[in-house]
Amino acid sequence: MPEESEKVLVFQIERSGDTAVVKCRGRLVAGTTEELYREVKNLLPQTKSVVVDLAELTYVDSTGLGTLVRLYAATRQAGCELKLLHLGKQLRNLLKLTNLLSVFGQVEDQGINIA
């Protein structure tokens, strides 16, 4: 059984110039995604680059994947760049399975550069 801290999504946003780094921990699943989407979208008018660090993410379901797609669309619309860093095996497999890995961009050592 997962620990309580693994059942929820916790994220922290750090700003550095025109870049926002979003560090996620826990599970990106239904019921946990809307606040993340809203907070990141609110950053877009004054941000040129959003980096989502997924090193401490333990699980992503279809709703979480949909949220990443929504963030991709929102950043593109705002003329921003979105980067996903430290993809776990489960998320990387999910992106491959849904053919989104090629949509999001080329895999880099540090993650995926989107847009």
PDB file of N, CA and C in Angstrom:
ATOM      1  N   MET A   1       0.854  -1.190   0.000  1.00  0.00           N
ATOM      2  CA  MET A   1       0.000   0.000   0.000  1.00  0.00           C
ATOM      3  C   MET A   1       0.895   1.249   0.000  1.00  0.00           C
ATOM      4  N   PRO A   2       0.616   2.235  -0.888  1.00  0.00           N
ATOM      5  CA  PRO A   2       1.452   3.421  -0.944  1.00  0.00           C
ATOM      6  C   PRO A   2       1.334   4.268   0.317  1.00  0.00           C
ATOM      7  N   GLU A   3       2.433   4.944   0.620  1.00  0.00           N
ATOM      8  CA  GLU A   3       2.411   5.856   1.752  1.00  0.00           C
ATOM      9  C   GLU A   3       1.498   7.025   1.426  1.00  0.00           C
ATOM     10  N   GLU A   4       1.019   7.737   2.439  1.00  0.00           N
ATOM     11  CA  GLU A   4       0.117   8.863   2.240  1.00  0.00           C
ATOM     12  C   GLU A   4       0.722   9.915   1.325  1.00  0.00           C
ATOM     13  N   SER A   5       2.037  10.177   1.466  1.00  0.00           N
ATOM     14  CA  SER A   5       2.685  11.202   0.647  1.00  0.00           C
ATOM     15  C   SER A   5       2.731  10.810  -0.829  1.00  0.00           C
ATOM     16  N   GLU A   6       2.634   9.501  -1.152  1.00  0.00           N
ATOM     17  CA  GLU A   6       2.650   9.053  -2.535  1.00  0.00           C
ATOM     18  C   GLU A   6       1.269   9.106  -3.175  1.00  0.00           C
ATOM     19  N   LYS A   7       0.235   9.328  -2.395  1.00  0.00           N
ATOM     20  CA  LYS A   7      -1.123   9.333  -2.921  1.00  0.00           C
ATOM     21  C   LYS A   7      -1.502  10.672  -3.532  1.00  0.00           C
ATOM     22  N   VAL A   8      -0.784  11.732  -3.192  1.00  0.00           N
ATOM     23  CA  VAL A   8      -1.144  13.071  -3.651  1.00  0.00           C
ATOM     24  C   VAL A   8      -0.005  13.700  -4.438  1.00  0.00           C
ATOM     25  N   LEU A   9      -0.353  14.729  -5.171  1.00  0.00           N
ATOM     26  CA  LEU A   9       0.640  15.501  -5.913  1.00  0.00           C
ATOM     27  C   LEU A   9       1.003  16.744  -5.119  1.00  0.00           C
ATOM     28  N   VAL A  10       2.291  16.939  -4.957  1.00  0.00           N
ATOM     29  CA  VAL A  10       2.805  18.146  -4.337  1.00  0.00           C
ATOM     30  C   VAL A  10       3.748  18.767  -5.352  1.00  0.00           C
ATOM     31  N   PHE A  11       3.641  20.074  -5.549  1.00  0.00           N
ATOM     32  CA  PHE A  11       4.553  20.727  -6.480  1.00  0.00           C
ATOM     33  C   PHE A  11       5.005  22.061  -5.930  1.00  0.00           C
ATOM     34  N   GLN A  12       6.170  22.463  -6.374  1.00  0.00           N
ATOM     35  CA  GLN A  12       6.787  23.716  -5.937  1.00  0.00           C
ATOM     36  C   GLN A  12       7.262  24.432  -7.192  1.00  0.00           C
ATOM     37  N   ILE A  13       6.991  25.723  -7.270  1.00  0.00           N
ATOM     38  CA  ILE A  13       7.390  26.511  -8.426  1.00  0.00           C
ATOM     39  C   ILE A  13       8.459  27.500  -8.010  1.00  0.00           C
ATOM     40  N   GLU A  14       9.572  27.474  -8.731  1.00  0.00           N
ATOM     41  CA  GLU A  14      10.662  28.421  -8.498  1.00  0.00           C
ATOM     42  C   GLU A  14      10.844  29.232  -9.760  1.00  0.00           C
ATOM     43  N   ARG A  15      11.011  30.534  -9.603  1.00  0.00           N
ATOM     44  CA  ARG A  15      11.203  31.425 -10.747  1.00  0.00           C
ATOM     45  C   ARG A  15      12.655  31.864 -10.808  1.00  0.00           C
ATOM     46  N   SER A  16      13.181  31.902 -12.016  1.00  0.00           N
ATOM     47  CA  SER A  16      14.532  32.405 -12.250  1.00  0.00           C
ATOM     48  C   SER A  16      14.494  33.169 -13.569  1.00  0.00           C
ATOM     49  N   GLY A  17      14.417  34.480 -13.479  1.00  0.00           N
ATOM     50  CA  GLY A  17      14.294  35.288 -14.681  1.00  0.00           C
ATOM     51  C   GLY A  17      12.985  34.981 -15.384  1.00  0.00           C
ATOM     52  N   ASP A  18      13.069  34.622 -16.670  1.00  0.00           N
ATOM     53  CA  ASP A  18      11.857  34.313 -17.424  1.00  0.00           C
ATOM     54  C   ASP A  18      11.608  32.806 -17.527  1.00  0.00           C
ATOM     55  N   THR A  19      12.216  32.048 -16.609  1.00  0.00           N
ATOM     56  CA  THR A  19      12.027  30.593 -16.563  1.00  0.00           C
ATOM     57  C   THR A  19      11.365  30.216 -15.240  1.00  0.00           C
ATOM     58  N   ALA A  20      10.386  29.320 -15.324  1.00  0.00           N
ATOM     59  CA  ALA A  20       9.745  28.771 -14.131  1.00  0.00           C
ATOM     60  C   ALA A  20      10.060  27.280 -14.074  1.00  0.00           C
ATOM     61  N   VAL A  21      10.537  26.832 -12.916  1.00  0.00           N
ATOM     62  CA  VAL A  21      10.821  25.423 -12.710  1.00  0.00           C
ATOM     63  C   VAL A  21       9.762  24.874 -11.758  1.00  0.00           C
ATOM     64  N   VAL A  22       9.051  23.840 -12.225  1.00  0.00           N
ATOM     65  CA  VAL A  22       7.987  23.221 -11.441  1.00  0.00           C
ATOM     66  C   VAL A  22       8.469  21.834 -11.027  1.00  0.00           C
ATOM     67  N   LYS A  23       8.702  21.653  -9.733  1.00  0.00           N
ATOM     68  CA  LYS A  23       9.154  20.361  -9.218  1.00  0.00           C
ATOM     69  C   LYS A  23       7.950  19.606  -8.665  1.00  0.00           C
ATOM     70  N   CYS A  24       7.699  18.433  -9.248  1.00  0.00           N
ATOM     71  CA  CYS A  24       6.537  17.622  -8.864  1.00  0.00           C
ATOM     72  C   CYS A  24       6.977  16.422  -8.044  1.00  0.00           C
ATOM     73  N   ARG A  25       6.148  16.086  -7.046  1.00  0.00           N
ATOM     74  CA  ARG A  25       6.401  14.911  -6.216  1.00  0.00           C
ATOM     75  C   ARG A  25       5.074  14.226  -5.962  1.00  0.00           C
ATOM     76  N   GLY A  26       5.062  12.917  -6.042  1.00  0.00           N
ATOM     77  CA  GLY A  26       3.844  12.161  -5.762  1.00  0.00           C
ATOM     78  C   GLY A  26       3.257  11.555  -7.014  1.00  0.00           C
ATOM     79  N   ARG A  27       1.931  11.647  -7.132  1.00  0.00           N
ATOM     80  CA  ARG A  27       1.193  10.994  -8.222  1.00  0.00           C
ATOM     81  C   ARG A  27       0.407  12.042  -9.002  1.00  0.00           C
ATOM     82  N   LEU A  28       0.605  12.063 -10.312  1.00  0.00           N
ATOM     83  CA  LEU A  28      -0.133  12.958 -11.199  1.00  0.00           C
ATOM     84  C   LEU A  28      -1.330  12.165 -11.726  1.00  0.00           C
ATOM     85  N   VAL A  29      -2.415  12.223 -10.963  1.00  0.00           N
ATOM     86  CA  VAL A  29      -3.590  11.394 -11.242  1.00  0.00           C
ATOM     87  C   VAL A  29      -4.865  12.235 -11.116  1.00  0.00           C
ATOM     88  N   ALA A  30      -5.976  11.651 -11.548  1.00  0.00           N
ATOM     89  CA  ALA A  30      -7.276  12.322 -11.448  1.00  0.00           C
ATOM     90  C   ALA A  30      -7.470  12.864 -10.036  1.00  0.00           C
ATOM     91  N   GLY A  31      -7.931  14.091  -9.951  1.00  0.00           N
ATOM     92  CA  GLY A  31      -8.165  14.720  -8.657  1.00  0.00           C
ATOM     93  C   GLY A  31      -6.984  15.526  -8.152  1.00  0.00           C
ATOM     94  N   THR A  32      -5.827  15.407  -8.806  1.00  0.00           N
ATOM     95  CA  THR A  32      -4.649  16.142  -8.336  1.00  0.00           C
ATOM     96  C   THR A  32      -4.096  17.104  -9.386  1.00  0.00           C
ATOM     97  N   THR A  33      -4.657  17.110 -10.580  1.00  0.00           N
ATOM     98  CA  THR A  33      -4.016  17.793 -11.698  1.00  0.00           C
ATOM     99  C   THR A  33      -4.457  19.232 -11.918  1.00  0.00           C
ATOM    100  N   GLU A  34      -5.665  19.572 -11.547  1.00  0.00           N
ATOM    101  CA  GLU A  34      -6.214  20.885 -11.906  1.00  0.00           C
ATOM    102  C   GLU A  34      -5.432  22.039 -11.294  1.00  0.00           C
ATOM    103  N   GLU A  35      -5.019  21.906 -10.044  1.00  0.00           N
ATOM    104  CA  GLU A  35      -4.265  22.980  -9.393  1.00  0.00           C
ATOM    105  C   GLU A  35      -2.916  23.190 -10.092  1.00  0.00           C
ATOM    106  N   LEU A  36      -2.255  22.098 -10.458  1.00  0.00           N
ATOM    107  CA  LEU A  36      -0.987  22.202 -11.187  1.00  0.00           C
ATOM    108  C   LEU A  36      -1.201  22.941 -12.501  1.00  0.00           C
ATOM    109  N   TYR A  37      -2.188  22.544 -13.266  1.00  0.00           N
ATOM    110  CA  TYR A  37      -2.463  23.188 -14.547  1.00  0.00           C
ATOM    111  C   TYR A  37      -2.744  24.684 -14.355  1.00  0.00           C
ATOM    112  N   ARG A  38      -3.603  25.012 -13.419  1.00  0.00           N
ATOM    113  CA  ARG A  38      -3.979  26.406 -13.171  1.00  0.00           C
ATOM    114  C   ARG A  38      -2.779  27.260 -12.768  1.00  0.00           C
ATOM    115  N   GLU A  39      -1.955  26.733 -11.855  1.00  0.00           N
ATOM    116  CA  GLU A  39      -0.792  27.506 -11.390  1.00  0.00           C
ATOM    117  C   GLU A  39       0.221  27.735 -12.509  1.00  0.00           C
ATOM    118  N   VAL A  40       0.483  26.710 -13.308  1.00  0.00           N
ATOM    119  CA  VAL A  40       1.443  26.856 -14.405  1.00  0.00           C
ATOM    120  C   VAL A  40       0.875  27.790 -15.469  1.00  0.00           C
ATOM    121  N   LYS A  41      -0.387  27.651 -15.792  1.00  0.00           N
ATOM    122  CA  LYS A  41      -0.994  28.521 -16.810  1.00  0.00           C
ATOM    123  C   LYS A  41      -0.940  29.991 -16.382  1.00  0.00           C
ATOM    124  N   ASN A  42      -1.101  30.260 -15.102  1.00  0.00           N
ATOM    125  CA  ASN A  42      -1.029  31.633 -14.605  1.00  0.00           C
ATOM    126  C   ASN A  42       0.360  32.239 -14.762  1.00  0.00           C
ATOM    127  N   LEU A  43       1.393  31.403 -14.872  1.00  0.00           N
ATOM    128  CA  LEU A  43       2.762  31.888 -15.041  1.00  0.00           C
ATOM    129  C   LEU A  43       3.065  32.317 -16.475  1.00  0.00           C
ATOM    130  N   LEU A  44       2.296  31.814 -17.428  1.00  0.00           N
ATOM    131  CA  LEU A  44       2.651  31.951 -18.841  1.00  0.00           C
ATOM    132  C   LEU A  44       2.772  33.381 -19.359  1.00  0.00           C
ATOM    133  N   PRO A  45       1.950  34.316 -18.938  1.00  0.00           N
ATOM    134  CA  PRO A  45       2.117  35.653 -19.513  1.00  0.00           C
ATOM    135  C   PRO A  45       3.491  36.289 -19.242  1.00  0.00           C
ATOM    136  N   GLN A  46       4.127  35.930 -18.132  1.00  0.00           N
ATOM    137  CA  GLN A  46       5.419  36.524 -17.795  1.00  0.00           C
ATOM    138  C   GLN A  46       6.576  35.523 -17.838  1.00  0.00           C
ATOM    139  N   THR A  47       6.366  34.402 -18.515  1.00  0.00           N
ATOM    140  CA  THR A  47       7.372  33.344 -18.560  1.00  0.00           C
ATOM    141  C   THR A  47       7.634  32.929 -20.001  1.00  0.00           C
ATOM    142  N   LYS A  48       8.904  32.695 -20.332  1.00  0.00           N
ATOM    143  CA  LYS A  48       9.243  32.229 -21.677  1.00  0.00           C
ATOM    144  C   LYS A  48       9.524  30.735 -21.705  1.00  0.00           C
ATOM    145  N   SER A  49       9.855  30.177 -20.550  1.00  0.00           N
ATOM    146  CA  SER A  49      10.195  28.765 -20.482  1.00  0.00           C
ATOM    147  C   SER A  49       9.659  28.163 -19.190  1.00  0.00           C
ATOM    148  N   VAL A  50       9.017  27.009 -19.314  1.00  0.00           N
ATOM    149  CA  VAL A  50       8.522  26.270 -18.155  1.00  0.00           C
ATOM    150  C   VAL A  50       9.207  24.907 -18.159  1.00  0.00           C
ATOM    151  N   VAL A  51       9.872  24.591 -17.063  1.00  0.00           N
ATOM    152  CA  VAL A  51      10.555  23.314 -16.907  1.00  0.00           C
ATOM    153  C   VAL A  51       9.810  22.537 -15.827  1.00  0.00           C
ATOM    154  N   VAL A  52       9.304  21.373 -16.193  1.00  0.00           N
ATOM    155  CA  VAL A  52       8.584  20.526 -15.240  1.00  0.00           C
ATOM    156  C   VAL A  52       9.505  19.360 -14.881  1.00  0.00           C
ATOM    157  N   ASP A  53       9.981  19.370 -13.641  1.00  0.00           N
ATOM    158  CA  ASP A  53      10.900  18.344 -13.144  1.00  0.00           C
ATOM    159  C   ASP A  53      10.078  17.218 -12.530  1.00  0.00           C
ATOM    160  N   LEU A  54      10.149  16.047 -13.151  1.00  0.00           N
ATOM    161  CA  LEU A  54       9.335  14.911 -12.743  1.00  0.00           C
ATOM    162  C   LEU A  54      10.136  13.834 -12.014  1.00  0.00           C
ATOM    163  N   ALA A  55      11.284  14.190 -11.484  1.00  0.00           N
ATOM    164  CA  ALA A  55      12.176  13.223 -10.849  1.00  0.00           C
ATOM    165  C   ALA A  55      11.505  12.487  -9.690  1.00  0.00           C
ATOM    166  N   GLU A  56      10.637  13.161  -8.954  1.00  0.00           N
ATOM    167  CA  GLU A  56      10.013  12.549  -7.781  1.00  0.00           C
ATOM    168  C   GLU A  56       8.554  12.162  -8.025  1.00  0.00           C
ATOM    169  N   LEU A  57       8.175  12.085  -9.292  1.00  0.00           N
ATOM    170  CA  LEU A  57       6.823  11.647  -9.632  1.00  0.00           C
ATOM    171  C   LEU A  57       6.803  10.122  -9.661  1.00  0.00           C
ATOM    172  N   THR A  58       5.857   9.528  -8.954  1.00  0.00           N
ATOM    173  CA  THR A  58       5.830   8.070  -8.843  1.00  0.00           C
ATOM    174  C   THR A  58       4.858   7.402  -9.806  1.00  0.00           C
ATOM    175  N   TYR A  59       3.851   8.150 -10.291  1.00  0.00           N
ATOM    176  CA  TYR A  59       2.852   7.531 -11.162  1.00  0.00           C
ATOM    177  C   TYR A  59       2.090   8.615 -11.918  1.00  0.00           C
ATOM    178  N   VAL A  60       1.723   8.313 -13.169  1.00  0.00           N
ATOM    179  CA  VAL A  60       0.906   9.206 -13.992  1.00  0.00           C
ATOM    180  C   VAL A  60      -0.207   8.372 -14.608  1.00  0.00           C
ATOM    181  N   ASP A  61      -1.465   8.814 -14.435  1.00  0.00           N
ATOM    182  CA  ASP A  61      -2.582   8.126 -15.090  1.00  0.00           C
ATOM    183  C   ASP A  61      -3.007   8.925 -16.318  1.00  0.00           C
ATOM    184  N   SER A  62      -4.112   8.524 -16.947  1.00  0.00           N
ATOM    185  CA  SER A  62      -4.550   9.186 -18.177  1.00  0.00           C
ATOM    186  C   SER A  62      -4.908  10.656 -17.945  1.00  0.00           C
ATOM    187  N   THR A  63      -5.446  10.982 -16.779  1.00  0.00           N
ATOM    188  CA  THR A  63      -5.757  12.377 -16.472  1.00  0.00           C
ATOM    189  C   THR A  63      -4.476  13.190 -16.330  1.00  0.00           C
ATOM    190  N   GLY A  64      -3.472  12.605 -15.697  1.00  0.00           N
ATOM    191  CA  GLY A  64      -2.178  13.280 -15.577  1.00  0.00           C
ATOM    192  C   GLY A  64      -1.538  13.503 -16.931  1.00  0.00           C
ATOM    193  N   LEU A  65      -1.628  12.495 -17.785  1.00  0.00           N
ATOM    194  CA  LEU A  65      -1.108  12.625 -19.143  1.00  0.00           C
ATOM    195  C   LEU A  65      -1.858  13.727 -19.894  1.00  0.00           C
ATOM    196  N   GLY A  66      -3.173  13.767 -19.725  1.00  0.00           N
ATOM    197  CA  GLY A  66      -3.971  14.824 -20.338  1.00  0.00           C
ATOM    198  C   GLY A  66      -3.571  16.200 -19.858  1.00  0.00           C
ATOM    199  N   THR A  67      -3.196  16.309 -18.592  1.00  0.00           N
ATOM    200  CA  THR A  67      -2.751  17.584 -18.049  1.00  0.00           C
ATOM    201  C   THR A  67      -1.438  18.017 -18.686  1.00  0.00           C
ATOM    202  N   LEU A  68      -0.534  17.083 -18.920  1.00  0.00           N
ATOM    203  CA  LEU A  68       0.721  17.427 -19.602  1.00  0.00           C
ATOM    204  C   LEU A  68       0.433  17.904 -21.025  1.00  0.00           C
ATOM    205  N   VAL A  69      -0.526  17.276 -21.697  1.00  0.00           N
ATOM    206  CA  VAL A  69      -0.906  17.706 -23.047  1.00  0.00           C
ATOM    207  C   VAL A  69      -1.530  19.099 -22.993  1.00  0.00           C
ATOM    208  N   ARG A  70      -2.370  19.351 -22.012  1.00  0.00           N
ATOM    209  CA  ARG A  70      -2.978  20.680 -21.852  1.00  0.00           C
ATOM    210  C   ARG A  70      -1.913  21.734 -21.584  1.00  0.00           C
ATOM    211  N   LEU A  71      -0.915  21.404 -20.770  1.00  0.00           N
ATOM    212  CA  LEU A  71       0.182  22.348 -20.511  1.00  0.00           C
ATOM    213  C   LEU A  71       0.966  22.621 -21.780  1.00  0.00           C
ATOM    214  N   TYR A  72       1.195  21.591 -22.566  1.00  0.00           N
ATOM    215  CA  TYR A  72       1.872  21.739 -23.853  1.00  0.00           C
ATOM    216  C   TYR A  72       1.106  22.725 -24.739  1.00  0.00           C
ATOM    217  N   ALA A  73      -0.203  22.527 -24.848  1.00  0.00           N
ATOM    218  CA  ALA A  73      -1.024  23.396 -25.691  1.00  0.00           C
ATOM    219  C   ALA A  73      -1.028  24.833 -25.165  1.00  0.00           C
ATOM    220  N   ALA A  74      -1.143  24.996 -23.866  1.00  0.00           N
ATOM    221  CA  ALA A  74      -1.189  26.335 -23.273  1.00  0.00           C
ATOM    222  C   ALA A  74       0.138  27.071 -23.464  1.00  0.00           C
ATOM    223  N   THR A  75       1.263  26.357 -23.293  1.00  0.00           N
ATOM    224  CA  THR A  75       2.559  27.024 -23.469  1.00  0.00           C
ATOM    225  C   THR A  75       2.781  27.389 -24.932  1.00  0.00           C
ATOM    226  N   ARG A  76       2.406  26.516 -25.840  1.00  0.00           N
ATOM    227  CA  ARG A  76       2.531  26.819 -27.271  1.00  0.00           C
ATOM    228  C   ARG A  76       1.703  28.055 -27.630  1.00  0.00           C
ATOM    229  N   GLN A  77       0.480  28.108 -27.124  1.00  0.00           N
ATOM    230  CA  GLN A  77      -0.407  29.233 -27.417  1.00  0.00           C
ATOM    231  C   GLN A  77       0.170  30.538 -26.875  1.00  0.00           C
ATOM    232  N   ALA A  78       0.864  30.467 -25.747  1.00  0.00           N
ATOM    233  CA  ALA A  78       1.455  31.659 -25.133  1.00  0.00           C
ATOM    234  C   ALA A  78       2.834  31.985 -25.699  1.00  0.00           C
ATOM    235  N   GLY A  79       3.316  31.164 -26.631  1.00  0.00           N
ATOM    236  CA  GLY A  79       4.628  31.401 -27.214  1.00  0.00           C
ATOM    237  C   GLY A  79       5.770  31.015 -26.295  1.00  0.00           C
ATOM    238  N   CYS A  80       5.518  30.090 -25.406  1.00  0.00           N
ATOM    239  CA  CYS A  80       6.521  29.636 -24.433  1.00  0.00           C
ATOM    240  C   CYS A  80       7.069  28.270 -24.838  1.00  0.00           C
ATOM    241  N   GLU A  81       8.133  27.899 -24.149  1.00  0.00           N
ATOM    242  CA  GLU A  81       8.737  26.584 -24.323  1.00  0.00           C
ATOM    243  C   GLU A  81       8.427  25.753 -23.083  1.00  0.00           C
ATOM    244  N   LEU A  82       8.142  24.460 -23.291  1.00  0.00           N
ATOM    245  CA  LEU A  82       7.878  23.547 -22.183  1.00  0.00           C
ATOM    246  C   LEU A  82       8.888  22.412 -22.234  1.00  0.00           C
ATOM    247  N   LYS A  83       9.528  22.134 -21.104  1.00  0.00           N
ATOM    248  CA  LYS A  83      10.469  21.015 -21.009  1.00  0.00           C
ATOM    249  C   LYS A  83      10.035  20.099 -19.876  1.00  0.00           C
ATOM    250  N   LEU A  84      10.045  18.808 -20.156  1.00  0.00           N
ATOM    251  CA  LEU A  84       9.816  17.803 -19.123  1.00  0.00           C
ATOM    252  C   LEU A  84      11.163  17.181 -18.797  1.00  0.00           C
ATOM    253  N   LEU A  85      11.539  17.216 -17.536  1.00  0.00           N
ATOM    254  CA  LEU A  85      12.819  16.662 -17.112  1.00  0.00           C
ATOM    255  C   LEU A  85      12.620  15.424 -16.260  1.00  0.00           C
ATOM    256  N   HIS A  86      13.600  14.544 -16.338  1.00  0.00           N
ATOM    257  CA  HIS A  86      13.665  13.360 -15.484  1.00  0.00           C
ATOM    258  C   HIS A  86      12.419  12.491 -15.586  1.00  0.00           C
ATOM    259  N   LEU A  87      12.125  12.063 -16.792  1.00  0.00           N
ATOM    260  CA  LEU A  87      10.986  11.173 -16.996  1.00  0.00           C
ATOM    261  C   LEU A  87      11.272   9.825 -16.355  1.00  0.00           C
ATOM    262  N   GLY A  88      10.318   9.343 -15.607  1.00  0.00           N
ATOM    263  CA  GLY A  88      10.441   8.007 -15.048  1.00  0.00           C
ATOM    264  C   GLY A  88      10.093   6.978 -16.111  1.00  0.00           C
ATOM    265  N   LYS A  89      10.407   5.742 -15.816  1.00  0.00           N
ATOM    266  CA  LYS A  89      10.149   4.658 -16.767  1.00  0.00           C
ATOM    267  C   LYS A  89       8.666   4.555 -17.107  1.00  0.00           C
ATOM    268  N   GLN A  90       7.801   4.665 -16.106  1.00  0.00           N
ATOM    269  CA  GLN A  90       6.357   4.534 -16.325  1.00  0.00           C
ATOM    270  C   GLN A  90       5.837   5.622 -17.256  1.00  0.00           C
ATOM    271  N   LEU A  91       6.251   6.879 -17.040  1.00  0.00           N
ATOM    272  CA  LEU A  91       5.789   7.975 -17.890  1.00  0.00           C
ATOM    273  C   LEU A  91       6.365   7.862 -19.297  1.00  0.00           C
ATOM    274  N   ARG A  92       7.626   7.515 -19.392  1.00  0.00           N
ATOM    275  CA  ARG A  92       8.241   7.342 -20.713  1.00  0.00           C
ATOM    276  C   ARG A  92       7.498   6.257 -21.506  1.00  0.00           C
ATOM    277  N   ASN A  93       7.174   5.146 -20.849  1.00  0.00           N
ATOM    278  CA  ASN A  93       6.420   4.070 -21.509  1.00  0.00           C
ATOM    279  C   ASN A  93       5.020   4.534 -21.904  1.00  0.00           C
ATOM    280  N   LEU A  94       4.377   5.312 -21.042  1.00  0.00           N
ATOM    281  CA  LEU A  94       3.049   5.837 -21.333  1.00  0.00           C
ATOM    282  C   LEU A  94       3.086   6.765 -22.548  1.00  0.00           C
ATOM    283  N   LEU A  95       4.110   7.608 -22.624  1.00  0.00           N
ATOM    284  CA  LEU A  95       4.253   8.504 -23.775  1.00  0.00           C
ATOM    285  C   LEU A  95       4.499   7.717 -25.065  1.00  0.00           C
ATOM    286  N   LYS A  96       5.287   6.653 -24.970  1.00  0.00           N
ATOM    287  CA  LYS A  96       5.523   5.812 -26.144  1.00  0.00           C
ATOM    288  C   LYS A  96       4.249   5.091 -26.565  1.00  0.00           C
ATOM    289  N   LEU A  97       3.542   4.527 -25.597  1.00  0.00           N
ATOM    290  CA  LEU A  97       2.330   3.765 -25.860  1.00  0.00           C
ATOM    291  C   LEU A  97       1.257   4.610 -26.542  1.00  0.00           C
ATOM    292  N   THR A  98       1.169   5.877 -26.168  1.00  0.00           N
ATOM    293  CA  THR A  98       0.144   6.769 -26.712  1.00  0.00           C
ATOM    294  C   THR A  98       0.649   7.565 -27.913  1.00  0.00           C
ATOM    295  N   ASN A  99       1.856   7.254 -28.378  1.00  0.00           N
ATOM    296  CA  ASN A  99       2.476   7.958 -29.506  1.00  0.00           C
ATOM    297  C   ASN A  99       2.680   9.444 -29.236  1.00  0.00           C
ATOM    298  N   LEU A 100       2.749   9.837 -27.977  1.00  0.00           N
ATOM    299  CA  LEU A 100       2.972  11.234 -27.634  1.00  0.00           C
ATOM    300  C   LEU A 100       4.447  11.581 -27.506  1.00  0.00           C
ATOM    301  N   LEU A 101       5.289  10.583 -27.375  1.00  0.00           N
ATOM    302  CA  LEU A 101       6.713  10.853 -27.275  1.00  0.00           C
ATOM    303  C   LEU A 101       7.189  11.590 -28.521  1.00  0.00           C
ATOM    304  N   SER A 102       6.737  11.144 -29.691  1.00  0.00           N
ATOM    305  CA  SER A 102       7.138  11.804 -30.934  1.00  0.00           C
ATOM    306  C   SER A 102       6.465  13.164 -31.097  1.00  0.00           C
ATOM    307  N   VAL A 103       5.277  13.333 -30.545  1.00  0.00           N
ATOM    308  CA  VAL A 103       4.586  14.619 -30.623  1.00  0.00           C
ATOM    309  C   VAL A 103       5.319  15.649 -29.773  1.00  0.00           C
ATOM    310  N   PHE A 104       5.737  15.236 -28.590  1.00  0.00           N
ATOM    311  CA  PHE A 104       6.379  16.158 -27.669  1.00  0.00           C
ATOM    312  C   PHE A 104       7.791  16.538 -28.100  1.00  0.00           C
ATOM    313  N   GLY A 105       8.493  15.719 -28.816  1.00  0.00           N
ATOM    314  CA  GLY A 105       9.826  16.089 -29.265  1.00  0.00           C
ATOM    315  C   GLY A 105      10.839  15.001 -29.031  1.00  0.00           C
ATOM    316  N   GLN A 106      12.070  15.344 -29.290  1.00  0.00           N
ATOM    317  CA  GLN A 106      13.183  14.410 -29.169  1.00  0.00           C
ATOM    318  C   GLN A 106      13.583  14.232 -27.710  1.00  0.00           C
ATOM    319  N   VAL A 107      13.846  13.004 -27.340  1.00  0.00           N
ATOM    320  CA  VAL A 107      14.315  12.718 -25.986  1.00  0.00           C
ATOM    321  C   VAL A 107      15.743  13.225 -25.847  1.00  0.00           C
ATOM    322  N   GLU A 108      15.998  13.951 -24.765  1.00  0.00           N
ATOM    323  CA  GLU A 108      17.332  14.448 -24.463  1.00  0.00           C
ATOM    324  C   GLU A 108      17.816  13.781 -23.192  1.00  0.00           C
ATOM    325  N   ASP A 109      19.070  13.962 -22.879  1.00  0.00           N
ATOM    326  CA  ASP A 109      19.625  13.386 -21.647  1.00  0.00           C
ATOM    327  C   ASP A 109      18.875  13.900 -20.417  1.00  0.00           C
ATOM    328  N   GLN A 110      18.468  15.145 -20.443  1.00  0.00           N
ATOM    329  CA  GLN A 110      17.815  15.768 -19.294  1.00  0.00           C
ATOM    330  C   GLN A 110      16.304  15.623 -19.323  1.00  0.00           C
ATOM    331  N   GLY A 111      15.737  15.130 -20.391  1.00  0.00           N
ATOM    332  CA  GLY A 111      14.288  15.032 -20.464  1.00  0.00           C
ATOM    333  C   GLY A 111      13.817  15.189 -21.880  1.00  0.00           C
ATOM    334  N   ILE A 112      12.657  15.762 -22.029  1.00  0.00           N
ATOM    335  CA  ILE A 112      12.086  15.988 -23.342  1.00  0.00           C
ATOM    336  C   ILE A 112      11.945  17.483 -23.544  1.00  0.00           C
ATOM    337  N   ASN A 113      12.412  17.968 -24.659  1.00  0.00           N
ATOM    338  CA  ASN A 113      12.229  19.375 -24.990  1.00  0.00           C
ATOM    339  C   ASN A 113      10.979  19.486 -25.840  1.00  0.00           C
ATOM    340  N   ILE A 114      10.005  20.193 -25.335  1.00  0.00           N
ATOM    341  CA  ILE A 114       8.727  20.315 -26.039  1.00  0.00           C
ATOM    342  C   ILE A 114       8.618  21.715 -26.609  1.00  0.00           C
ATOM    343  N   ALA A 115       8.196  21.792 -27.836  1.00  0.00           N
ATOM    344  CA  ALA A 115       7.987  23.057 -28.552  1.00  0.00           C
ATOM    345  C   ALA A 115       9.326  23.619 -28.889  1.00  0.00           C
TER     346      ALA A 115
END
